[in-house]
Amino acid sequence: MKRDQQALLDIFDSLDENQQQSLLDYAEFLQAKANTQCRQISAPLAIPRPENETVVGAIKRLKRSYPMIDSMKVFAVASNLMTDHMVKGRDSEEVISEIEALFEDTYQKIRREFE
């Protein structure tokens, strides 16, 4: 057993039952966080853009293509672009291209943060 592992075990053994549970909860939190970070920097899925795709369809495709992106990070901007299309009549192809760029830029930012 490594020295750090033994030290952690010694600390764990010296704690009361409630403190042991707190330490275990924190360790599980750290493990979950590490697993999330690994998932977040995976490569995007190559889902091609179909012909005559709607803006809503594009957002759904991009959410599947970029599972590492928390959709709330792009929600406000994507919603504004979708509103521009629906209310102001902006061309869907143009709006979809901007939403694709938004997802790609967000992905690149995540990669830089975890490198």
Protein backbone atom coordinates (compact mmCIF):
# COMPACT_ATOMS: atom_id res chain seq x y z
CA MET A 1 0.00 0.00 0.00
CA LYS A 2 1.30 3.47 -0.89
CA ARG A 3 2.20 5.87 1.90
CA ASP A 4 -0.60 8.31 0.98
CA GLN A 5 -3.14 5.51 0.96
CA GLN A 6 -2.02 4.37 4.39
CA ALA A 7 -2.14 7.94 5.70
CA LEU A 8 -5.70 8.33 4.41
CA LEU A 9 -6.70 5.04 5.99
CA ASP A 10 -5.12 6.09 9.33
CA ILE A 11 -7.02 9.38 9.22
CA PHE A 12 -10.25 7.56 8.37
CA ASP A 13 -9.76 5.14 11.27
CA SER A 14 -9.17 8.01 13.71
CA LEU A 15 -12.53 9.65 12.93
CA ASP A 16 -15.91 8.96 14.49
CA GLU A 17 -18.68 7.40 12.40
CA ASN A 18 -20.20 10.73 11.28
CA GLN A 19 -16.81 12.15 10.30
CA GLN A 20 -15.99 8.96 8.40
CA GLN A 21 -19.23 9.33 6.44
CA SER A 22 -18.37 12.97 5.69
CA LEU A 23 -14.93 11.98 4.44
CA LEU A 24 -16.44 9.24 2.28
CA ASP A 25 -19.05 11.68 0.88
CA TYR A 26 -16.31 14.14 0.00
CA ALA A 27 -14.21 11.44 -1.67
CA GLU A 28 -17.23 10.39 -3.75
CA PHE A 29 -17.81 14.04 -4.70
CA LEU A 30 -14.21 14.37 -5.88
CA GLN A 31 -14.50 11.13 -7.85
CA ALA A 32 -17.69 12.29 -9.56
CA LYS A 33 -16.09 15.64 -10.39
CA ALA A 34 -13.06 13.90 -11.91
CA ASN A 35 -15.30 11.64 -14.02
CA THR A 36 -17.28 14.68 -15.24
CA GLN A 37 -14.11 16.49 -16.24
CA CYS A 38 -12.93 13.49 -18.25
CA ARG A 39 -16.29 13.30 -20.00
CA GLN A 40 -16.34 17.02 -20.74
CA ILE A 41 -13.18 17.03 -22.82
CA SER A 42 -14.08 14.12 -25.08
CA ALA A 43 -14.20 14.80 -28.81
CA PRO A 44 -17.53 15.90 -30.28
CA LEU A 45 -19.58 13.32 -32.16
CA ALA A 46 -19.57 13.82 -35.92
CA ILE A 47 -23.30 14.07 -36.59
CA PRO A 48 -23.71 15.58 -40.06
CA ARG A 49 -25.99 18.52 -40.71
CA PRO A 50 -29.00 17.24 -42.67
CA GLU A 51 -30.56 19.14 -45.56
CA ASN A 52 -33.48 21.41 -44.66
CA GLU A 53 -32.69 21.20 -40.96
CA THR A 54 -34.76 23.40 -38.66
CA VAL A 55 -33.17 25.61 -36.04
CA VAL A 56 -34.73 23.50 -33.26
CA GLY A 57 -33.47 20.34 -34.98
CA ALA A 58 -29.99 21.86 -35.19
CA ILE A 59 -29.95 22.62 -31.48
CA LYS A 60 -30.99 19.05 -30.70
CA ARG A 61 -28.31 17.67 -33.06
CA LEU A 62 -25.64 19.88 -31.53
CA LYS A 63 -26.61 18.87 -27.99
CA ARG A 64 -26.08 15.24 -29.06
CA SER A 65 -22.86 16.13 -30.91
CA TYR A 66 -21.39 17.96 -27.92
CA PRO A 67 -22.46 15.93 -24.85
CA MET A 68 -19.58 17.44 -22.86
CA ILE A 69 -21.18 20.90 -22.99
CA ASP A 70 -23.61 21.85 -20.27
CA SER A 71 -26.49 23.10 -22.40
CA MET A 72 -27.10 25.95 -19.94
CA LYS A 73 -23.76 27.43 -21.01
CA VAL A 74 -25.10 28.02 -24.52
CA PHE A 75 -28.83 28.25 -23.81
CA ALA A 76 -29.16 32.05 -23.67
CA VAL A 77 -27.28 32.72 -26.89
CA ALA A 78 -28.92 29.82 -28.75
CA SER A 79 -32.35 30.99 -27.57
CA ASN A 80 -31.67 34.51 -28.80
CA LEU A 81 -30.59 33.17 -32.19
CA MET A 82 -33.68 30.98 -32.42
CA THR A 83 -35.84 33.98 -31.54
CA ASP A 84 -34.12 36.03 -34.24
CA HIS A 85 -35.08 33.33 -36.73
CA MET A 86 -38.66 32.88 -35.55
CA VAL A 87 -39.60 36.49 -34.75
CA LYS A 88 -37.31 38.58 -36.93
CA GLY A 89 -37.26 36.16 -39.86
CA ARG A 90 -33.49 35.59 -40.00
CA ASP A 91 -32.45 32.89 -42.44
CA SER A 92 -32.36 29.47 -40.79
CA GLU A 93 -29.11 28.45 -42.51
CA GLU A 94 -27.38 31.54 -41.17
CA VAL A 95 -28.74 31.03 -37.65
CA ILE A 96 -27.80 27.34 -37.67
CA SER A 97 -24.25 28.22 -38.73
CA GLU A 98 -24.00 30.67 -35.83
CA ILE A 99 -25.32 28.09 -33.37
CA GLU A 100 -22.79 25.54 -34.69
CA ALA A 101 -20.04 28.13 -34.15
CA LEU A 102 -21.36 28.77 -30.64
CA PHE A 103 -21.12 25.08 -29.73
CA GLU A 104 -17.67 24.75 -31.31
CA ASP A 105 -16.36 27.85 -29.53
CA THR A 106 -17.74 26.60 -26.21
CA TYR A 107 -16.12 23.20 -26.79
CA GLN A 108 -12.75 24.82 -27.54
CA LYS A 109 -13.04 26.90 -24.37
CA ILE A 110 -13.69 23.77 -22.31
CA ARG A 111 -10.67 22.05 -23.87
CA ARG A 112 -8.44 25.02 -23.02
CA GLU A 113 -9.71 25.06 -19.41
CA PHE A 114 -8.85 21.40 -18.86
CA GLU A 115 -5.48 21.31 -20.63
